[in-house]
Amino acid sequence: GLVCVIDYTIQNVDNSLLRVYSGYEGISKFGFTGSNAESFYAMTDSDLQLWNLNQAEPYAKFHNLREKLSIVAARPINYVVDCRFDNTDQMFIIAGDDEGYLALFTIHEDLVLTMSLQNGHETTVRDVIFSSKKPYIISAGEDSKICFWNPLKKAVQNSNPDAFKMKTPKVANKFYTPY
């Protein structure tokens, strides 16, 4: 349940530790936020905490995150994929269900459903990235699909993305060695 901030430019390990934050539970994902990485998020299996690097306590806590997201989305949310940031540094919580539904939430005073992405995946989505070059959201799921979503289309709520199904290679009983 700890997040350690280390200055990797200091070669002496004993002197490189800048600060330790306690999330009080096992942290499953974390990442820096803000244009100058002045904050970070830490996710557990059930909670999300937002921290400023200069403070000892989180400035925002969301306990029972999946339950709160389910209420906002008005449908069951089974998992949280991750948090991502767009080009304007807006933080999105990305979550979904086991049938391929994907939702993006933002945090203002409370959680807000910003966008629903449907009819692309057939099962759990494992990762989502925002393209820095074009207005695409790209998702990858357990159904072997990589979907390209265009959030600028007016009908994103029920949009069909451009989906590419990955082919399973047929290389049974072959062994490869590195060069």
N, C-alpha and C. Protein backbone atom coordinates (compact mmCIF):
# COMPACT_ATOMS: atom_id res chain seq x y z
N GLY A 1 0.79 -1.20 0.00
CA GLY A 1 0.00 0.00 0.00
C GLY A 1 0.83 1.26 0.00
N LEU A 2 2.09 1.19 -0.39
CA LEU A 2 2.96 2.36 -0.36
C LEU A 2 3.30 2.82 -1.78
N VAL A 3 3.41 4.13 -1.96
CA VAL A 3 3.95 4.71 -3.18
C VAL A 3 5.19 5.48 -2.76
N CYS A 4 6.32 5.13 -3.36
CA CYS A 4 7.58 5.78 -3.03
C CYS A 4 7.99 6.68 -4.18
N VAL A 5 8.37 7.91 -3.87
CA VAL A 5 8.86 8.85 -4.88
C VAL A 5 10.37 8.93 -4.70
N ILE A 6 11.05 8.60 -5.80
CA ILE A 6 12.51 8.51 -5.76
C ILE A 6 13.08 9.44 -6.82
N ASP A 7 14.14 10.15 -6.47
CA ASP A 7 14.87 10.98 -7.43
C ASP A 7 15.93 10.10 -8.06
N TYR A 8 15.69 9.66 -9.29
CA TYR A 8 16.59 8.72 -9.94
C TYR A 8 17.90 9.37 -10.41
N THR A 9 18.02 10.69 -10.27
CA THR A 9 19.29 11.34 -10.63
C THR A 9 20.30 11.26 -9.49
N ILE A 10 19.84 10.89 -8.30
CA ILE A 10 20.74 10.71 -7.16
C ILE A 10 21.19 9.26 -7.13
N GLN A 11 22.50 9.05 -7.22
CA GLN A 11 23.01 7.68 -7.35
C GLN A 11 23.02 6.91 -6.04
N ASN A 12 23.11 7.60 -4.93
CA ASN A 12 23.11 6.92 -3.64
C ASN A 12 21.67 6.57 -3.28
N VAL A 13 21.36 5.30 -3.19
CA VAL A 13 20.01 4.84 -2.93
C VAL A 13 19.47 5.38 -1.61
N ASP A 14 20.31 5.47 -0.61
CA ASP A 14 19.86 5.96 0.69
C ASP A 14 19.40 7.42 0.64
N ASN A 15 19.92 8.20 -0.29
CA ASN A 15 19.58 9.61 -0.40
C ASN A 15 18.53 9.90 -1.46
N SER A 16 18.20 8.93 -2.29
CA SER A 16 17.31 9.19 -3.43
C SER A 16 15.83 9.16 -3.06
N LEU A 17 15.46 8.58 -1.94
CA LEU A 17 14.06 8.51 -1.52
C LEU A 17 13.59 9.89 -1.07
N LEU A 18 12.60 10.44 -1.78
CA LEU A 18 12.10 11.78 -1.45
C LEU A 18 10.92 11.73 -0.50
N ARG A 19 9.99 10.80 -0.73
CA ARG A 19 8.76 10.77 0.07
C ARG A 19 8.10 9.40 -0.09
N VAL A 20 7.38 8.98 0.94
CA VAL A 20 6.61 7.74 0.91
C VAL A 20 5.17 8.08 1.28
N TYR A 21 4.25 7.61 0.44
CA TYR A 21 2.81 7.81 0.67
C TYR A 21 2.18 6.47 0.99
N SER A 22 1.28 6.48 1.96
CA SER A 22 0.60 5.25 2.35
C SER A 22 -0.83 5.26 1.85
N GLY A 23 -1.17 4.30 1.00
CA GLY A 23 -2.53 4.18 0.49
C GLY A 23 -3.41 3.32 1.37
N TYR A 24 -2.85 2.71 2.40
CA TYR A 24 -3.56 1.92 3.40
C TYR A 24 -4.11 0.60 2.86
N GLU A 25 -3.98 0.32 1.58
CA GLU A 25 -4.37 -0.95 0.98
C GLU A 25 -3.39 -1.24 -0.13
N GLY A 26 -3.43 -2.46 -0.66
CA GLY A 26 -2.58 -2.81 -1.79
C GLY A 26 -2.94 -1.99 -3.02
N ILE A 27 -1.97 -1.33 -3.61
CA ILE A 27 -2.20 -0.46 -4.76
C ILE A 27 -2.04 -1.30 -6.03
N SER A 28 -3.07 -1.27 -6.88
CA SER A 28 -3.03 -2.05 -8.11
C SER A 28 -2.51 -1.24 -9.29
N LYS A 29 -2.76 0.07 -9.31
CA LYS A 29 -2.30 0.95 -10.39
C LYS A 29 -2.07 2.34 -9.85
N PHE A 30 -1.10 3.03 -10.45
CA PHE A 30 -0.88 4.43 -10.10
C PHE A 30 -0.22 5.11 -11.28
N GLY A 31 -0.26 6.43 -11.28
CA GLY A 31 0.37 7.19 -12.34
C GLY A 31 0.40 8.66 -11.99
N PHE A 32 1.28 9.38 -12.65
CA PHE A 32 1.40 10.81 -12.42
C PHE A 32 0.33 11.56 -13.19
N THR A 33 -0.06 12.71 -12.68
CA THR A 33 -1.05 13.57 -13.31
C THR A 33 -0.52 14.99 -13.35
N GLY A 34 -1.15 15.80 -14.17
CA GLY A 34 -0.76 17.20 -14.28
C GLY A 34 0.34 17.38 -15.31
N SER A 35 0.40 18.56 -15.89
CA SER A 35 1.38 18.83 -16.95
C SER A 35 2.81 18.76 -16.44
N ASN A 36 3.02 19.00 -15.16
CA ASN A 36 4.36 18.92 -14.57
C ASN A 36 4.49 17.74 -13.61
N ALA A 37 3.59 16.78 -13.71
CA ALA A 37 3.59 15.60 -12.84
C ALA A 37 3.62 16.00 -11.37
N GLU A 38 2.80 16.98 -11.02
CA GLU A 38 2.77 17.47 -9.64
C GLU A 38 1.82 16.67 -8.74
N SER A 39 1.06 15.77 -9.33
CA SER A 39 0.11 14.95 -8.58
C SER A 39 0.20 13.51 -9.08
N PHE A 40 -0.45 12.61 -8.35
CA PHE A 40 -0.56 11.24 -8.82
C PHE A 40 -1.85 10.63 -8.33
N TYR A 41 -2.28 9.56 -9.01
CA TYR A 41 -3.43 8.78 -8.57
C TYR A 41 -2.95 7.41 -8.14
N ALA A 42 -3.66 6.82 -7.21
CA ALA A 42 -3.38 5.47 -6.74
C ALA A 42 -4.71 4.74 -6.64
N MET A 43 -4.78 3.57 -7.29
CA MET A 43 -6.00 2.76 -7.28
C MET A 43 -5.75 1.47 -6.52
N THR A 44 -6.74 1.10 -5.73
CA THR A 44 -6.75 -0.22 -5.11
C THR A 44 -7.85 -1.01 -5.83
N ASP A 45 -8.17 -2.18 -5.32
CA ASP A 45 -9.25 -2.96 -5.94
C ASP A 45 -10.60 -2.27 -5.81
N SER A 46 -10.73 -1.38 -4.82
CA SER A 46 -12.05 -0.77 -4.61
C SER A 46 -12.03 0.76 -4.52
N ASP A 47 -10.87 1.37 -4.40
CA ASP A 47 -10.81 2.81 -4.14
C ASP A 47 -9.89 3.52 -5.13
N LEU A 48 -10.08 4.84 -5.22
CA LEU A 48 -9.20 5.72 -5.98
C LEU A 48 -8.84 6.89 -5.08
N GLN A 49 -7.55 7.20 -5.03
CA GLN A 49 -7.08 8.34 -4.26
C GLN A 49 -6.25 9.24 -5.16
N LEU A 50 -6.44 10.54 -5.00
CA LEU A 50 -5.67 11.54 -5.75
C LEU A 50 -4.79 12.29 -4.76
N TRP A 51 -3.51 12.40 -5.08
CA TRP A 51 -2.52 12.98 -4.18
C TRP A 51 -1.78 14.12 -4.87
N ASN A 52 -1.43 15.14 -4.10
CA ASN A 52 -0.49 16.16 -4.52
C ASN A 52 0.86 15.74 -3.96
N LEU A 53 1.91 15.84 -4.75
CA LEU A 53 3.23 15.39 -4.28
C LEU A 53 3.73 16.15 -3.06
N ASN A 54 3.18 17.34 -2.81
CA ASN A 54 3.65 18.15 -1.69
C ASN A 54 2.80 17.99 -0.43
N GLN A 55 1.83 17.08 -0.45
CA GLN A 55 0.96 16.90 0.70
C GLN A 55 1.07 15.47 1.22
N ALA A 56 0.84 15.32 2.51
CA ALA A 56 0.96 14.01 3.14
C ALA A 56 -0.33 13.19 3.06
N GLU A 57 -1.44 13.83 2.73
CA GLU A 57 -2.74 13.15 2.65
C GLU A 57 -3.34 13.36 1.27
N PRO A 58 -4.16 12.41 0.80
CA PRO A 58 -4.81 12.60 -0.50
C PRO A 58 -5.78 13.77 -0.48
N TYR A 59 -5.90 14.48 -1.61
CA TYR A 59 -6.85 15.58 -1.68
C TYR A 59 -8.21 15.12 -2.15
N ALA A 60 -8.32 13.89 -2.64
CA ALA A 60 -9.62 13.32 -3.00
C ALA A 60 -9.57 11.82 -2.82
N LYS A 61 -10.66 11.27 -2.28
CA LYS A 61 -10.78 9.83 -2.09
C LYS A 61 -12.14 9.38 -2.60
N PHE A 62 -12.15 8.29 -3.34
CA PHE A 62 -13.38 7.68 -3.83
C PHE A 62 -13.40 6.24 -3.36
N HIS A 63 -14.12 5.99 -2.26
CA HIS A 63 -14.26 4.64 -1.73
C HIS A 63 -15.36 3.92 -2.50
N ASN A 64 -15.26 2.60 -2.58
CA ASN A 64 -16.24 1.79 -3.31
C ASN A 64 -16.47 2.35 -4.72
N LEU A 65 -15.39 2.54 -5.44
CA LEU A 65 -15.41 3.22 -6.73
C LEU A 65 -16.35 2.55 -7.73
N ARG A 66 -16.30 1.22 -7.86
CA ARG A 66 -17.15 0.54 -8.84
C ARG A 66 -18.63 0.74 -8.54
N GLU A 67 -18.99 0.74 -7.28
CA GLU A 67 -20.39 0.99 -6.91
C GLU A 67 -20.82 2.40 -7.32
N LYS A 68 -19.97 3.37 -7.07
CA LYS A 68 -20.30 4.76 -7.45
C LYS A 68 -20.38 4.92 -8.96
N LEU A 69 -19.46 4.28 -9.68
CA LEU A 69 -19.49 4.35 -11.14
C LEU A 69 -20.74 3.67 -11.69
N SER A 70 -21.17 2.58 -11.07
CA SER A 70 -22.39 1.88 -11.49
C SER A 70 -23.62 2.77 -11.33
N ILE A 71 -23.67 3.52 -10.26
CA ILE A 71 -24.80 4.43 -10.04
C ILE A 71 -24.80 5.54 -11.09
N VAL A 72 -23.64 6.12 -11.36
CA VAL A 72 -23.55 7.20 -12.34
C VAL A 72 -23.87 6.69 -13.75
N ALA A 73 -23.40 5.49 -14.09
CA ALA A 73 -23.64 4.92 -15.43
C ALA A 73 -25.03 4.31 -15.57
N ALA A 74 -25.72 4.11 -14.46
CA ALA A 74 -27.04 3.47 -14.44
C ALA A 74 -26.99 2.06 -15.02
N ARG A 75 -25.89 1.37 -14.76
CA ARG A 75 -25.73 -0.03 -15.14
C ARG A 75 -24.54 -0.58 -14.37
N PRO A 76 -24.48 -1.89 -14.21
CA PRO A 76 -23.37 -2.46 -13.43
C PRO A 76 -22.01 -2.23 -14.09
N ILE A 77 -21.06 -1.79 -13.29
CA ILE A 77 -19.66 -1.66 -13.70
C ILE A 77 -18.90 -2.74 -12.94
N ASN A 78 -18.26 -3.65 -13.69
CA ASN A 78 -17.58 -4.79 -13.08
C ASN A 78 -16.11 -4.54 -12.76
N TYR A 79 -15.48 -3.60 -13.45
CA TYR A 79 -14.05 -3.38 -13.26
C TYR A 79 -13.67 -1.97 -13.71
N VAL A 80 -12.53 -1.53 -13.21
CA VAL A 80 -11.94 -0.27 -13.65
C VAL A 80 -10.69 -0.62 -14.43
N VAL A 81 -10.59 -0.12 -15.66
CA VAL A 81 -9.43 -0.39 -16.50
C VAL A 81 -8.23 0.40 -15.98
N ASP A 82 -8.39 1.71 -15.90
CA ASP A 82 -7.29 2.56 -15.47
C ASP A 82 -7.75 4.01 -15.49
N CYS A 83 -6.84 4.91 -15.21
CA CYS A 83 -7.05 6.34 -15.39
C CYS A 83 -6.15 6.78 -16.53
N ARG A 84 -6.66 7.66 -17.37
CA ARG A 84 -5.90 8.19 -18.50
C ARG A 84 -6.13 9.69 -18.59
N PHE A 85 -5.25 10.36 -19.33
CA PHE A 85 -5.32 11.81 -19.46
C PHE A 85 -5.31 12.17 -20.93
N ASP A 86 -6.16 13.12 -21.30
CA ASP A 86 -6.18 13.57 -22.69
C ASP A 86 -5.16 14.70 -22.86
N ASN A 87 -5.15 15.30 -24.05
CA ASN A 87 -4.17 16.34 -24.35
C ASN A 87 -4.35 17.60 -23.52
N THR A 88 -5.52 17.78 -22.90
CA THR A 88 -5.76 18.96 -22.07
C THR A 88 -5.53 18.68 -20.59
N ASP A 89 -4.97 17.52 -20.27
CA ASP A 89 -4.70 17.08 -18.90
C ASP A 89 -5.97 16.75 -18.12
N GLN A 90 -7.07 16.50 -18.81
CA GLN A 90 -8.30 16.07 -18.15
C GLN A 90 -8.16 14.59 -17.80
N MET A 91 -8.42 14.27 -16.55
CA MET A 91 -8.32 12.88 -16.10
C MET A 91 -9.62 12.14 -16.37
N PHE A 92 -9.50 10.93 -16.92
CA PHE A 92 -10.64 10.06 -17.16
C PHE A 92 -10.46 8.77 -16.39
N ILE A 93 -11.51 8.33 -15.75
CA ILE A 93 -11.55 7.00 -15.17
C ILE A 93 -12.25 6.12 -16.20
N ILE A 94 -11.61 5.05 -16.60
CA ILE A 94 -12.15 4.17 -17.64
C ILE A 94 -12.58 2.88 -16.98
N ALA A 95 -13.85 2.52 -17.19
CA ALA A 95 -14.40 1.34 -16.54
C ALA A 95 -15.34 0.62 -17.49
N GLY A 96 -15.71 -0.60 -17.15
CA GLY A 96 -16.59 -1.34 -18.05
C GLY A 96 -17.26 -2.53 -17.39
N ASP A 97 -17.93 -3.31 -18.25
CA ASP A 97 -18.55 -4.55 -17.78
C ASP A 97 -18.01 -5.72 -18.59
N ASP A 98 -18.44 -6.91 -18.25
CA ASP A 98 -17.91 -8.13 -18.87
C ASP A 98 -18.46 -8.39 -20.27
N GLU A 99 -19.34 -7.53 -20.76
CA GLU A 99 -19.94 -7.71 -22.08
C GLU A 99 -19.42 -6.70 -23.10
N GLY A 100 -18.34 -5.99 -22.78
CA GLY A 100 -17.71 -5.09 -23.72
C GLY A 100 -18.10 -3.63 -23.60
N TYR A 101 -19.03 -3.31 -22.71
CA TYR A 101 -19.41 -1.91 -22.48
C TYR A 101 -18.24 -1.19 -21.83
N LEU A 102 -17.96 0.01 -22.32
CA LEU A 102 -16.86 0.80 -21.81
C LEU A 102 -17.36 2.21 -21.54
N ALA A 103 -16.99 2.77 -20.40
CA ALA A 103 -17.44 4.11 -20.02
C ALA A 103 -16.26 4.94 -19.55
N LEU A 104 -16.30 6.23 -19.90
CA LEU A 104 -15.29 7.17 -19.46
C LEU A 104 -15.95 8.18 -18.53
N PHE A 105 -15.37 8.34 -17.36
CA PHE A 105 -15.88 9.24 -16.34
C PHE A 105 -14.85 10.33 -16.08
N THR A 106 -15.33 11.53 -15.77
CA THR A 106 -14.45 12.59 -15.32
C THR A 106 -14.81 12.95 -13.89
N ILE A 107 -13.90 13.64 -13.24
CA ILE A 107 -14.14 14.08 -11.87
C ILE A 107 -14.25 15.59 -11.87
N HIS A 108 -15.40 16.08 -11.46
CA HIS A 108 -15.58 17.53 -11.25
C HIS A 108 -15.84 17.67 -9.76
N GLU A 109 -16.99 18.08 -9.35
CA GLU A 109 -17.34 18.03 -7.93
C GLU A 109 -17.59 16.58 -7.52
N ASP A 110 -18.07 15.80 -8.48
CA ASP A 110 -18.34 14.38 -8.27
C ASP A 110 -17.99 13.65 -9.57
N LEU A 111 -18.29 12.37 -9.63
CA LEU A 111 -18.04 11.60 -10.84
C LEU A 111 -19.10 11.91 -11.89
N VAL A 112 -18.67 12.08 -13.15
CA VAL A 112 -19.58 12.41 -14.25
C VAL A 112 -19.32 11.43 -15.39
N LEU A 113 -20.39 10.80 -15.91
CA LEU A 113 -20.26 9.94 -17.08
C LEU A 113 -20.07 10.85 -18.29
N THR A 114 -18.91 10.79 -18.91
CA THR A 114 -18.57 11.66 -20.03
C THR A 114 -18.90 11.01 -21.36
N MET A 115 -18.65 9.70 -21.46
CA MET A 115 -18.81 9.03 -22.73
C MET A 115 -19.01 7.53 -22.52
N SER A 116 -19.90 6.94 -23.31
CA SER A 116 -20.09 5.49 -23.33
C SER A 116 -19.66 4.96 -24.68
N LEU A 117 -18.88 3.91 -24.68
CA LEU A 117 -18.43 3.28 -25.91
C LEU A 117 -19.00 1.87 -25.95
N GLN A 118 -19.87 1.62 -26.94
CA GLN A 118 -20.57 0.34 -27.01
C GLN A 118 -20.48 -0.25 -28.41
N ASN A 119 -20.83 -1.52 -28.50
CA ASN A 119 -20.93 -2.26 -29.77
C ASN A 119 -19.58 -2.44 -30.45
N GLY A 120 -18.51 -2.42 -29.69
CA GLY A 120 -17.19 -2.68 -30.25
C GLY A 120 -16.62 -3.97 -29.72
N HIS A 121 -16.55 -4.08 -28.43
CA HIS A 121 -16.00 -5.28 -27.80
C HIS A 121 -17.13 -6.22 -27.37
N GLU A 122 -16.78 -7.48 -27.26
CA GLU A 122 -17.76 -8.49 -26.85
C GLU A 122 -17.51 -8.99 -25.43
N THR A 123 -16.40 -8.62 -24.86
CA THR A 123 -16.05 -9.06 -23.51
C THR A 123 -15.17 -8.00 -22.84
N THR A 124 -14.49 -8.35 -21.80
CA THR A 124 -13.73 -7.43 -20.98
C THR A 124 -12.67 -6.67 -21.78
N VAL A 125 -12.60 -5.36 -21.55
CA VAL A 125 -11.58 -4.50 -22.15
C VAL A 125 -10.44 -4.39 -21.14
N ARG A 126 -9.22 -4.61 -21.60
CA ARG A 126 -8.08 -4.62 -20.70
C ARG A 126 -7.24 -3.35 -20.71
N ASP A 127 -7.26 -2.61 -21.83
CA ASP A 127 -6.46 -1.40 -21.87
C ASP A 127 -7.07 -0.38 -22.82
N VAL A 128 -6.85 0.88 -22.53
CA VAL A 128 -7.35 1.99 -23.35
C VAL A 128 -6.26 3.05 -23.39
N ILE A 129 -6.03 3.60 -24.58
CA ILE A 129 -5.11 4.73 -24.71
C ILE A 129 -5.77 5.82 -25.52
N PHE A 130 -5.33 7.04 -25.32
CA PHE A 130 -5.78 8.17 -26.11
C PHE A 130 -4.68 8.49 -27.10
N SER A 131 -5.02 8.61 -28.37
CA SER A 131 -4.05 8.97 -29.39
C SER A 131 -3.66 10.43 -29.22
N SER A 132 -2.37 10.71 -29.29
CA SER A 132 -1.92 12.09 -29.17
C SER A 132 -1.96 12.82 -30.51
N LYS A 133 -2.02 12.09 -31.61
CA LYS A 133 -1.98 12.69 -32.94
C LYS A 133 -3.37 12.94 -33.52
N LYS A 134 -4.30 12.01 -33.31
CA LYS A 134 -5.64 12.12 -33.88
C LYS A 134 -6.65 11.97 -32.74
N PRO A 135 -7.89 12.39 -32.96
CA PRO A 135 -8.88 12.30 -31.88
C PRO A 135 -9.44 10.88 -31.74
N TYR A 136 -8.56 9.92 -31.46
CA TYR A 136 -9.00 8.54 -31.30
C TYR A 136 -8.80 8.08 -29.88
N ILE A 137 -9.69 7.20 -29.47
CA ILE A 137 -9.51 6.41 -28.26
C ILE A 137 -9.34 4.99 -28.78
N ILE A 138 -8.31 4.31 -28.34
CA ILE A 138 -8.02 2.96 -28.82
C ILE A 138 -8.15 2.02 -27.64
N SER A 139 -8.93 0.95 -27.83
CA SER A 139 -9.14 -0.02 -26.75
C SER A 139 -8.77 -1.42 -27.23
N ALA A 140 -8.33 -2.23 -26.28
CA ALA A 140 -7.96 -3.62 -26.58
C ALA A 140 -8.61 -4.51 -25.53
N GLY A 141 -9.19 -5.62 -26.00
CA GLY A 141 -9.92 -6.47 -25.07
C GLY A 141 -9.58 -7.94 -25.18
N GLU A 142 -10.20 -8.71 -24.30
CA GLU A 142 -10.01 -10.15 -24.28
C GLU A 142 -10.63 -10.84 -25.49
N ASP A 143 -11.42 -10.12 -26.27
CA ASP A 143 -12.03 -10.68 -27.47
C ASP A 143 -11.09 -10.58 -28.68
N SER A 144 -9.83 -10.23 -28.43
CA SER A 144 -8.79 -10.09 -29.47
C SER A 144 -9.06 -8.94 -30.42
N LYS A 145 -9.86 -7.97 -30.02
CA LYS A 145 -10.15 -6.81 -30.86
C LYS A 145 -9.38 -5.59 -30.37
N ILE A 146 -8.95 -4.80 -31.33
CA ILE A 146 -8.43 -3.46 -31.06
C ILE A 146 -9.41 -2.52 -31.74
N CYS A 147 -10.07 -1.66 -30.95
CA CYS A 147 -11.09 -0.77 -31.49
C CYS A 147 -10.59 0.67 -31.48
N PHE A 148 -10.85 1.38 -32.57
CA PHE A 148 -10.53 2.79 -32.71
C PHE A 148 -11.84 3.56 -32.62
N TRP A 149 -11.97 4.39 -31.59
CA TRP A 149 -13.19 5.15 -31.36
C TRP A 149 -12.91 6.61 -31.70
N ASN A 150 -13.83 7.26 -32.35
CA ASN A 150 -13.70 8.69 -32.64
C ASN A 150 -14.65 9.45 -31.72
N PRO A 151 -14.14 10.08 -30.66
CA PRO A 151 -15.02 10.77 -29.71
C PRO A 151 -15.67 12.02 -30.27
N LEU A 152 -15.25 12.48 -31.44
CA LEU A 152 -15.84 13.68 -32.01
C LEU A 152 -17.13 13.39 -32.78
N LYS A 153 -17.41 12.11 -33.06
CA LYS A 153 -18.66 11.77 -33.72
C LYS A 153 -19.80 12.03 -32.75
N LYS A 154 -20.91 12.51 -33.26
CA LYS A 154 -22.04 12.85 -32.39
C LYS A 154 -22.68 11.63 -31.75
N ALA A 155 -22.62 10.50 -32.41
CA ALA A 155 -23.31 9.31 -31.91
C ALA A 155 -22.35 8.35 -31.22
N VAL A 156 -21.46 8.88 -30.40
CA VAL A 156 -20.49 8.02 -29.71
C VAL A 156 -21.20 7.07 -28.75
N GLN A 157 -22.32 7.49 -28.21
CA GLN A 157 -23.05 6.66 -27.24
C GLN A 157 -23.30 5.25 -27.78
N ASN A 158 -23.67 5.13 -29.04
CA ASN A 158 -23.94 3.81 -29.61
C ASN A 158 -23.12 3.59 -30.88
N SER A 159 -21.90 4.06 -30.88
CA SER A 159 -21.11 4.01 -32.10
C SER A 159 -20.51 2.63 -32.32
N ASN A 160 -20.32 2.29 -33.56
CA ASN A 160 -19.55 1.12 -33.93
C ASN A 160 -18.16 1.61 -34.29
N PRO A 161 -17.15 1.15 -33.59
CA PRO A 161 -15.81 1.59 -33.91
C PRO A 161 -15.27 0.85 -35.12
N ASP A 162 -14.15 1.32 -35.61
CA ASP A 162 -13.41 0.54 -36.58
C ASP A 162 -12.66 -0.50 -35.75
N ALA A 163 -13.02 -1.76 -35.90
CA ALA A 163 -12.43 -2.81 -35.07
C ALA A 163 -11.60 -3.75 -35.93
N PHE A 164 -10.49 -4.13 -35.40
CA PHE A 164 -9.62 -5.07 -36.08
C PHE A 164 -9.43 -6.26 -35.15
N LYS A 165 -9.81 -7.44 -35.63
CA LYS A 165 -9.66 -8.64 -34.82
C LYS A 165 -8.27 -9.20 -35.07
N MET A 166 -7.57 -9.46 -33.99
CA MET A 166 -6.23 -10.02 -34.13
C MET A 166 -6.34 -11.49 -34.48
N LYS A 167 -5.51 -11.96 -35.37
CA LYS A 167 -5.51 -13.37 -35.75
C LYS A 167 -4.63 -14.13 -34.78
N THR A 168 -5.09 -15.29 -34.39
CA THR A 168 -4.29 -16.14 -33.52
C THR A 168 -3.29 -16.89 -34.37
N PRO A 169 -2.00 -16.76 -34.09
CA PRO A 169 -1.02 -17.46 -34.91
C PRO A 169 -1.11 -18.96 -34.73
N LYS A 170 -0.91 -19.68 -35.80
CA LYS A 170 -0.96 -21.13 -35.76
C LYS A 170 0.47 -21.66 -35.81
N VAL A 171 1.13 -21.64 -34.67
CA VAL A 171 2.52 -22.07 -34.60
C VAL A 171 2.70 -23.10 -33.48
N ALA A 172 1.80 -24.05 -33.40
CA ALA A 172 1.86 -25.05 -32.34
C ALA A 172 3.15 -25.86 -32.43
N ASN A 173 3.71 -26.17 -31.29
CA ASN A 173 4.89 -27.03 -31.16
C ASN A 173 6.13 -26.46 -31.84
N LYS A 174 6.23 -25.17 -31.97
CA LYS A 174 7.45 -24.56 -32.51
C LYS A 174 8.10 -23.78 -31.38
N PHE A 175 9.40 -23.86 -31.32
CA PHE A 175 10.13 -23.15 -30.29
C PHE A 175 11.04 -22.14 -30.95
N TYR A 176 11.13 -20.95 -30.38
CA TYR A 176 11.96 -19.89 -30.92
C TYR A 176 13.01 -19.53 -29.90
N THR A 177 14.18 -19.25 -30.37
CA THR A 177 15.24 -18.83 -29.47
C THR A 177 15.65 -17.41 -29.84
N PRO A 178 16.05 -16.62 -28.86
CA PRO A 178 16.50 -15.26 -29.17
C PRO A 178 17.82 -15.28 -29.92
N TYR A 179 18.12 -14.22 -30.62
CA TYR A 179 19.38 -14.13 -31.39
C TYR A 179 20.57 -14.11 -30.50
